[in-house]
Amino acid sequence: MKYLLLYILSSITLLAADTNLLRTKIVETIMNEVSINANMLIWSDNTTLQTNLKINNKLNVVNDCQSASILIIETNNLPKECKDKHIFALNYKLLVEVDNSFGALFWKKGRPNIIILKPRADKQSIEIKKGLEPYLEEKIW
């Protein structure tokens, strides 16, 4: 019985690690397909994602939201001075709630989903490159 429990816990841990790595790779791809008029400095309130992005060293990651130009958020608990930044959400609910979020990555039925809202991106002068065109939407579902 102990071995079965150990096996189950190990499997869950490996699954969570795979999901975090997949999320990191998808976020990196999305951020490389987005262009803003400023130097792209990224910060996330998800500490695992923040750490993984730093380790991979493919994006310029900063330690605080005030220094960042793009925020990748999982909660809506941003300090007041960070609420006017470009925001990419890590769940659909935040995309709906945060008016200046331009896109989201979230899991639905076990699969990653990406939405980039074209009107919000245009309003914030965010250029969406060709690789993200299939994920462009005119409005929230």
N, C-alpha and C. Protein backbone atom coordinates (compact mmCIF):
# COMPACT_ATOMS: atom_id res chain seq x y z
N MET A 1 0.82 -1.19 0.00
CA MET A 1 0.00 0.00 0.00
C MET A 1 0.87 1.27 0.00
N LYS A 2 1.99 1.22 0.76
CA LYS A 2 2.88 2.37 0.79
C LYS A 2 3.47 2.65 -0.58
N TYR A 3 3.82 1.58 -1.29
CA TYR A 3 4.41 1.74 -2.61
C TYR A 3 3.41 2.32 -3.60
N LEU A 4 2.16 1.93 -3.48
CA LEU A 4 1.12 2.47 -4.35
C LEU A 4 0.95 3.96 -4.09
N LEU A 5 0.90 4.35 -2.84
CA LEU A 5 0.77 5.76 -2.48
C LEU A 5 1.98 6.55 -2.97
N LEU A 6 3.16 6.01 -2.81
CA LEU A 6 4.38 6.65 -3.29
C LEU A 6 4.35 6.82 -4.81
N TYR A 7 3.89 5.79 -5.52
CA TYR A 7 3.78 5.85 -6.97
C TYR A 7 2.81 6.94 -7.41
N ILE A 8 1.67 7.01 -6.75
CA ILE A 8 0.65 8.02 -7.10
C ILE A 8 1.19 9.42 -6.85
N LEU A 9 1.81 9.63 -5.70
CA LEU A 9 2.35 10.96 -5.39
C LEU A 9 3.47 11.35 -6.36
N SER A 10 4.29 10.40 -6.73
CA SER A 10 5.36 10.67 -7.70
C SER A 10 4.79 11.03 -9.06
N SER A 11 3.75 10.34 -9.47
CA SER A 11 3.11 10.61 -10.76
C SER A 11 2.50 12.01 -10.78
N ILE A 12 1.85 12.38 -9.69
CA ILE A 12 1.25 13.72 -9.60
C ILE A 12 2.32 14.79 -9.67
N THR A 13 3.42 14.58 -8.97
CA THR A 13 4.52 15.54 -8.98
C THR A 13 5.10 15.69 -10.37
N LEU A 14 5.30 14.60 -11.08
CA LEU A 14 5.83 14.66 -12.44
C LEU A 14 4.87 15.37 -13.38
N LEU A 15 3.58 15.11 -13.22
CA LEU A 15 2.58 15.77 -14.05
C LEU A 15 2.60 17.28 -13.83
N ALA A 16 2.68 17.70 -12.57
CA ALA A 16 2.73 19.13 -12.25
C ALA A 16 3.98 19.76 -12.84
N ALA A 17 5.10 19.09 -12.77
CA ALA A 17 6.35 19.61 -13.34
C ALA A 17 6.23 19.75 -14.85
N ASP A 18 5.64 18.76 -15.51
CA ASP A 18 5.45 18.83 -16.96
C ASP A 18 4.55 20.00 -17.33
N THR A 19 3.48 20.22 -16.58
CA THR A 19 2.56 21.32 -16.84
C THR A 19 3.28 22.65 -16.69
N ASN A 20 4.09 22.80 -15.65
CA ASN A 20 4.83 24.05 -15.44
C ASN A 20 5.82 24.31 -16.57
N LEU A 21 6.51 23.27 -17.02
CA LEU A 21 7.45 23.43 -18.13
C LEU A 21 6.74 23.78 -19.42
N LEU A 22 5.61 23.14 -19.66
CA LEU A 22 4.82 23.44 -20.86
C LEU A 22 4.31 24.87 -20.81
N ARG A 23 3.81 25.29 -19.66
CA ARG A 23 3.33 26.68 -19.50
C ARG A 23 4.47 27.65 -19.78
N THR A 24 5.64 27.37 -19.25
CA THR A 24 6.79 28.25 -19.46
C THR A 24 7.13 28.36 -20.95
N LYS A 25 7.17 27.24 -21.65
CA LYS A 25 7.50 27.24 -23.08
C LYS A 25 6.45 28.01 -23.88
N ILE A 26 5.19 27.83 -23.54
CA ILE A 26 4.13 28.53 -24.26
C ILE A 26 4.22 30.04 -24.01
N VAL A 27 4.43 30.43 -22.76
CA VAL A 27 4.56 31.85 -22.43
C VAL A 27 5.76 32.46 -23.17
N GLU A 28 6.88 31.77 -23.19
CA GLU A 28 8.05 32.26 -23.92
C GLU A 28 7.73 32.47 -25.40
N THR A 29 7.04 31.52 -25.99
CA THR A 29 6.66 31.63 -27.41
C THR A 29 5.75 32.82 -27.63
N ILE A 30 4.75 32.97 -26.76
CA ILE A 30 3.81 34.10 -26.89
C ILE A 30 4.56 35.42 -26.76
N MET A 31 5.40 35.54 -25.75
CA MET A 31 6.12 36.81 -25.52
C MET A 31 7.08 37.12 -26.67
N ASN A 32 7.59 36.11 -27.33
CA ASN A 32 8.46 36.35 -28.50
C ASN A 32 7.67 36.76 -29.73
N GLU A 33 6.36 36.53 -29.72
CA GLU A 33 5.50 36.90 -30.85
C GLU A 33 4.75 38.20 -30.60
N VAL A 34 5.07 38.87 -29.50
CA VAL A 34 4.44 40.13 -29.13
C VAL A 34 5.50 41.22 -29.17
N SER A 35 5.13 42.37 -29.67
CA SER A 35 6.07 43.48 -29.74
C SER A 35 5.42 44.74 -29.18
N ILE A 36 6.13 45.40 -28.28
CA ILE A 36 5.65 46.67 -27.74
C ILE A 36 6.67 47.74 -28.08
N ASN A 37 6.29 48.99 -27.89
CA ASN A 37 7.17 50.10 -28.27
C ASN A 37 8.32 50.30 -27.29
N ALA A 38 8.28 49.65 -26.14
CA ALA A 38 9.32 49.81 -25.13
C ALA A 38 10.18 48.55 -25.06
N ASN A 39 11.25 48.64 -24.30
CA ASN A 39 12.08 47.47 -24.03
C ASN A 39 11.21 46.45 -23.27
N MET A 40 11.19 45.22 -23.71
CA MET A 40 10.31 44.21 -23.12
C MET A 40 10.94 43.61 -21.87
N LEU A 41 10.43 44.03 -20.73
CA LEU A 41 10.85 43.51 -19.44
C LEU A 41 9.65 42.81 -18.82
N ILE A 42 9.84 41.57 -18.40
CA ILE A 42 8.71 40.73 -17.99
C ILE A 42 8.79 40.40 -16.51
N TRP A 43 7.64 40.40 -15.86
CA TRP A 43 7.50 40.02 -14.46
C TRP A 43 6.23 39.19 -14.33
N SER A 44 6.25 38.19 -13.43
CA SER A 44 5.06 37.38 -13.18
C SER A 44 4.85 37.22 -11.68
N ASP A 45 3.57 37.20 -11.28
CA ASP A 45 3.24 36.94 -9.88
C ASP A 45 3.23 35.44 -9.58
N ASN A 46 3.39 34.62 -10.62
CA ASN A 46 3.52 33.18 -10.45
C ASN A 46 5.01 32.89 -10.26
N THR A 47 5.41 32.57 -9.03
CA THR A 47 6.84 32.43 -8.73
C THR A 47 7.50 31.29 -9.50
N THR A 48 6.77 30.21 -9.73
CA THR A 48 7.33 29.09 -10.50
C THR A 48 7.61 29.53 -11.94
N LEU A 49 6.66 30.20 -12.55
CA LEU A 49 6.85 30.70 -13.91
C LEU A 49 7.98 31.72 -13.95
N GLN A 50 8.00 32.63 -12.99
CA GLN A 50 9.05 33.65 -12.92
C GLN A 50 10.44 32.99 -12.85
N THR A 51 10.57 31.99 -12.01
CA THR A 51 11.84 31.27 -11.86
C THR A 51 12.21 30.55 -13.14
N ASN A 52 11.26 29.84 -13.74
CA ASN A 52 11.53 29.12 -14.99
C ASN A 52 11.92 30.06 -16.12
N LEU A 53 11.28 31.22 -16.20
CA LEU A 53 11.62 32.19 -17.24
C LEU A 53 13.04 32.72 -17.04
N LYS A 54 13.42 32.93 -15.79
CA LYS A 54 14.79 33.39 -15.50
C LYS A 54 15.81 32.32 -15.86
N ILE A 55 15.52 31.07 -15.50
CA ILE A 55 16.45 29.97 -15.77
C ILE A 55 16.67 29.80 -17.26
N ASN A 56 15.58 29.85 -18.04
CA ASN A 56 15.69 29.66 -19.49
C ASN A 56 16.40 30.81 -20.18
N ASN A 57 16.33 31.99 -19.56
CA ASN A 57 17.10 33.14 -20.02
C ASN A 57 16.81 33.54 -21.47
N LYS A 58 15.59 33.29 -21.94
CA LYS A 58 15.22 33.67 -23.30
C LYS A 58 14.53 35.03 -23.33
N LEU A 59 14.06 35.48 -22.16
CA LEU A 59 13.37 36.76 -22.04
C LEU A 59 14.03 37.60 -20.96
N ASN A 60 13.84 38.91 -21.02
CA ASN A 60 14.35 39.79 -19.98
C ASN A 60 13.36 39.80 -18.82
N VAL A 61 13.71 39.14 -17.74
CA VAL A 61 12.83 39.01 -16.58
C VAL A 61 13.34 39.91 -15.47
N VAL A 62 12.43 40.67 -14.85
CA VAL A 62 12.79 41.56 -13.75
C VAL A 62 12.16 41.07 -12.46
N ASN A 63 12.64 41.59 -11.34
CA ASN A 63 12.22 41.10 -10.03
C ASN A 63 11.01 41.80 -9.44
N ASP A 64 10.57 42.91 -10.03
CA ASP A 64 9.40 43.60 -9.48
C ASP A 64 8.53 44.14 -10.60
N CYS A 65 7.26 44.28 -10.30
CA CYS A 65 6.32 44.69 -11.35
C CYS A 65 6.51 46.14 -11.78
N GLN A 66 7.05 47.00 -10.91
CA GLN A 66 7.26 48.39 -11.28
C GLN A 66 8.28 48.54 -12.40
N SER A 67 9.27 47.65 -12.45
CA SER A 67 10.31 47.71 -13.48
C SER A 67 9.89 47.06 -14.79
N ALA A 68 8.82 46.30 -14.76
CA ALA A 68 8.40 45.52 -15.93
C ALA A 68 7.58 46.35 -16.91
N SER A 69 7.60 45.93 -18.17
CA SER A 69 6.73 46.53 -19.18
C SER A 69 5.54 45.60 -19.49
N ILE A 70 5.73 44.30 -19.26
CA ILE A 70 4.63 43.33 -19.42
C ILE A 70 4.54 42.49 -18.15
N LEU A 71 3.33 42.38 -17.64
CA LEU A 71 3.08 41.56 -16.45
C LEU A 71 2.33 40.31 -16.87
N ILE A 72 2.75 39.18 -16.33
CA ILE A 72 2.05 37.92 -16.56
C ILE A 72 1.45 37.54 -15.21
N ILE A 73 0.12 37.66 -15.11
CA ILE A 73 -0.49 37.54 -13.79
C ILE A 73 -1.40 36.32 -13.66
N GLU A 74 -1.45 35.83 -12.42
CA GLU A 74 -2.32 34.71 -12.08
C GLU A 74 -3.38 35.14 -11.08
N THR A 75 -3.15 36.30 -10.42
CA THR A 75 -4.11 36.85 -9.48
C THR A 75 -4.32 38.33 -9.80
N ASN A 76 -5.36 38.89 -9.24
CA ASN A 76 -5.67 40.30 -9.48
C ASN A 76 -5.25 41.14 -8.28
N ASN A 77 -4.11 40.84 -7.69
CA ASN A 77 -3.63 41.54 -6.51
C ASN A 77 -2.41 42.40 -6.83
N LEU A 78 -2.49 43.16 -7.88
CA LEU A 78 -1.36 44.00 -8.28
C LEU A 78 -1.34 45.29 -7.48
N PRO A 79 -0.13 45.79 -7.17
CA PRO A 79 -0.04 47.11 -6.56
C PRO A 79 -0.58 48.17 -7.52
N LYS A 80 -1.07 49.26 -6.96
CA LYS A 80 -1.69 50.31 -7.77
C LYS A 80 -0.76 50.82 -8.88
N GLU A 81 0.53 50.94 -8.58
CA GLU A 81 1.47 51.48 -9.57
C GLU A 81 1.75 50.52 -10.73
N CYS A 82 1.27 49.28 -10.65
CA CYS A 82 1.52 48.30 -11.72
C CYS A 82 0.29 48.04 -12.58
N LYS A 83 -0.84 48.59 -12.23
CA LYS A 83 -2.09 48.27 -12.92
C LYS A 83 -2.18 48.85 -14.33
N ASP A 84 -1.32 49.82 -14.67
CA ASP A 84 -1.39 50.43 -16.00
C ASP A 84 -0.42 49.80 -17.01
N LYS A 85 0.22 48.71 -16.64
CA LYS A 85 1.16 48.02 -17.52
C LYS A 85 0.41 47.12 -18.51
N HIS A 86 1.12 46.61 -19.50
CA HIS A 86 0.56 45.60 -20.39
C HIS A 86 0.42 44.31 -19.57
N ILE A 87 -0.73 43.69 -19.64
CA ILE A 87 -0.99 42.51 -18.80
C ILE A 87 -1.41 41.33 -19.65
N PHE A 88 -0.78 40.20 -19.37
CA PHE A 88 -1.15 38.92 -19.97
C PHE A 88 -1.58 38.02 -18.83
N ALA A 89 -2.78 37.45 -18.92
CA ALA A 89 -3.36 36.68 -17.82
C ALA A 89 -3.08 35.19 -17.95
N LEU A 90 -3.02 34.53 -16.80
CA LEU A 90 -2.83 33.08 -16.78
C LEU A 90 -4.12 32.34 -16.45
N ASN A 91 -5.24 33.03 -16.58
CA ASN A 91 -6.53 32.35 -16.52
C ASN A 91 -7.59 33.21 -17.20
N TYR A 92 -8.63 32.57 -17.63
CA TYR A 92 -9.66 33.24 -18.42
C TYR A 92 -10.40 34.30 -17.61
N LYS A 93 -10.64 34.01 -16.34
CA LYS A 93 -11.37 34.94 -15.48
C LYS A 93 -10.67 36.29 -15.41
N LEU A 94 -9.35 36.27 -15.32
CA LEU A 94 -8.59 37.53 -15.27
C LEU A 94 -8.68 38.30 -16.59
N LEU A 95 -8.73 37.58 -17.68
CA LEU A 95 -8.88 38.24 -18.98
C LEU A 95 -10.18 39.04 -19.00
N VAL A 96 -11.21 38.49 -18.42
CA VAL A 96 -12.50 39.17 -18.36
C VAL A 96 -12.45 40.33 -17.37
N GLU A 97 -11.86 40.12 -16.20
CA GLU A 97 -11.87 41.11 -15.12
C GLU A 97 -10.93 42.29 -15.34
N VAL A 98 -9.75 42.05 -15.86
CA VAL A 98 -8.73 43.09 -15.99
C VAL A 98 -8.84 43.72 -17.38
N ASP A 99 -9.30 44.95 -17.42
CA ASP A 99 -9.58 45.62 -18.69
C ASP A 99 -8.37 45.81 -19.58
N ASN A 100 -7.18 45.99 -19.01
CA ASN A 100 -6.02 46.20 -19.86
C ASN A 100 -5.21 44.93 -20.10
N SER A 101 -5.82 43.77 -19.83
CA SER A 101 -5.17 42.51 -20.22
C SER A 101 -5.43 42.29 -21.71
N PHE A 102 -4.38 41.95 -22.42
CA PHE A 102 -4.52 41.81 -23.87
C PHE A 102 -4.63 40.36 -24.32
N GLY A 103 -4.40 39.41 -23.40
CA GLY A 103 -4.48 38.01 -23.78
C GLY A 103 -4.41 37.11 -22.56
N ALA A 104 -4.61 35.82 -22.82
CA ALA A 104 -4.59 34.86 -21.71
C ALA A 104 -4.14 33.49 -22.21
N LEU A 105 -3.55 32.75 -21.28
CA LEU A 105 -3.22 31.34 -21.46
C LEU A 105 -3.89 30.62 -20.31
N PHE A 106 -4.72 29.64 -20.63
CA PHE A 106 -5.42 28.91 -19.58
C PHE A 106 -5.67 27.49 -20.06
N TRP A 107 -5.93 26.61 -19.11
CA TRP A 107 -6.19 25.21 -19.43
C TRP A 107 -7.69 24.97 -19.40
N LYS A 108 -8.19 24.27 -20.41
CA LYS A 108 -9.60 23.89 -20.49
C LYS A 108 -9.65 22.47 -21.04
N LYS A 109 -10.30 21.60 -20.33
CA LYS A 109 -10.39 20.19 -20.69
C LYS A 109 -9.00 19.58 -20.87
N GLY A 110 -8.08 19.98 -20.00
CA GLY A 110 -6.74 19.40 -20.01
C GLY A 110 -5.81 19.90 -21.10
N ARG A 111 -6.25 20.91 -21.86
CA ARG A 111 -5.42 21.42 -22.95
C ARG A 111 -5.19 22.92 -22.79
N PRO A 112 -4.03 23.40 -23.21
CA PRO A 112 -3.80 24.84 -23.13
C PRO A 112 -4.60 25.58 -24.21
N ASN A 113 -5.14 26.72 -23.82
CA ASN A 113 -5.87 27.60 -24.74
C ASN A 113 -5.22 28.97 -24.68
N ILE A 114 -5.12 29.61 -25.82
CA ILE A 114 -4.55 30.95 -25.92
C ILE A 114 -5.58 31.85 -26.56
N ILE A 115 -5.76 33.02 -25.96
CA ILE A 115 -6.62 34.05 -26.55
C ILE A 115 -5.83 35.36 -26.55
N ILE A 116 -5.80 36.02 -27.68
CA ILE A 116 -5.24 37.36 -27.78
C ILE A 116 -6.38 38.25 -28.28
N LEU A 117 -6.75 39.26 -27.50
CA LEU A 117 -7.84 40.15 -27.88
C LEU A 117 -7.29 41.28 -28.75
N LYS A 118 -7.62 41.23 -30.01
CA LYS A 118 -7.10 42.20 -30.99
C LYS A 118 -7.45 43.64 -30.64
N PRO A 119 -8.69 43.95 -30.25
CA PRO A 119 -8.99 45.35 -29.92
C PRO A 119 -8.17 45.88 -28.74
N ARG A 120 -7.97 45.06 -27.74
CA ARG A 120 -7.18 45.49 -26.58
C ARG A 120 -5.70 45.64 -26.95
N ALA A 121 -5.19 44.73 -27.75
CA ALA A 121 -3.80 44.81 -28.19
C ALA A 121 -3.60 46.07 -29.04
N ASP A 122 -4.53 46.35 -29.95
CA ASP A 122 -4.44 47.54 -30.79
C ASP A 122 -4.50 48.81 -29.94
N LYS A 123 -5.38 48.83 -28.96
CA LYS A 123 -5.54 50.00 -28.08
C LYS A 123 -4.25 50.28 -27.31
N GLN A 124 -3.50 49.23 -26.96
CA GLN A 124 -2.26 49.39 -26.20
C GLN A 124 -1.03 49.46 -27.11
N SER A 125 -1.23 49.53 -28.41
CA SER A 125 -0.14 49.57 -29.40
C SER A 125 0.77 48.35 -29.29
N ILE A 126 0.17 47.20 -29.09
CA ILE A 126 0.91 45.95 -29.03
C ILE A 126 0.80 45.30 -30.41
N GLU A 127 1.95 45.04 -31.00
CA GLU A 127 1.97 44.39 -32.31
C GLU A 127 1.98 42.87 -32.11
N ILE A 128 1.03 42.21 -32.73
CA ILE A 128 0.94 40.75 -32.66
C ILE A 128 1.51 40.19 -33.96
N LYS A 129 2.54 39.39 -33.85
CA LYS A 129 3.19 38.85 -35.03
C LYS A 129 2.39 37.68 -35.61
N LYS A 130 2.79 37.27 -36.78
CA LYS A 130 2.06 36.27 -37.56
C LYS A 130 1.82 34.95 -36.82
N GLY A 131 2.75 34.54 -35.96
CA GLY A 131 2.62 33.27 -35.24
C GLY A 131 1.43 33.20 -34.30
N LEU A 132 0.92 34.35 -33.87
CA LEU A 132 -0.23 34.37 -32.96
C LEU A 132 -1.55 34.69 -33.66
N GLU A 133 -1.53 34.89 -34.95
CA GLU A 133 -2.77 35.23 -35.67
C GLU A 133 -3.90 34.23 -35.47
N PRO A 134 -3.63 32.91 -35.39
CA PRO A 134 -4.75 31.98 -35.17
C PRO A 134 -5.45 32.16 -33.81
N TYR A 135 -4.80 32.86 -32.90
CA TYR A 135 -5.36 33.02 -31.55
C TYR A 135 -6.02 34.38 -31.33
N LEU A 136 -6.04 35.20 -32.38
CA LEU A 136 -6.66 36.52 -32.27
C LEU A 136 -8.18 36.39 -32.21
N GLU A 137 -8.76 37.13 -31.30
CA GLU A 137 -10.21 37.17 -31.14
C GLU A 137 -10.63 38.63 -31.09
N GLU A 138 -11.82 38.92 -31.57
CA GLU A 138 -12.35 40.28 -31.53
C GLU A 138 -12.99 40.62 -30.19
N LYS A 139 -13.49 39.60 -29.49
CA LYS A 139 -14.13 39.84 -28.19
C LYS A 139 -13.97 38.60 -27.31
N ILE A 140 -14.27 38.79 -26.05
CA ILE A 140 -14.22 37.68 -25.10
C ILE A 140 -15.41 36.78 -25.36
N TRP A 141 -15.19 35.48 -25.26
CA TRP A 141 -16.26 34.53 -25.54
C TRP A 141 -17.40 34.70 -24.58
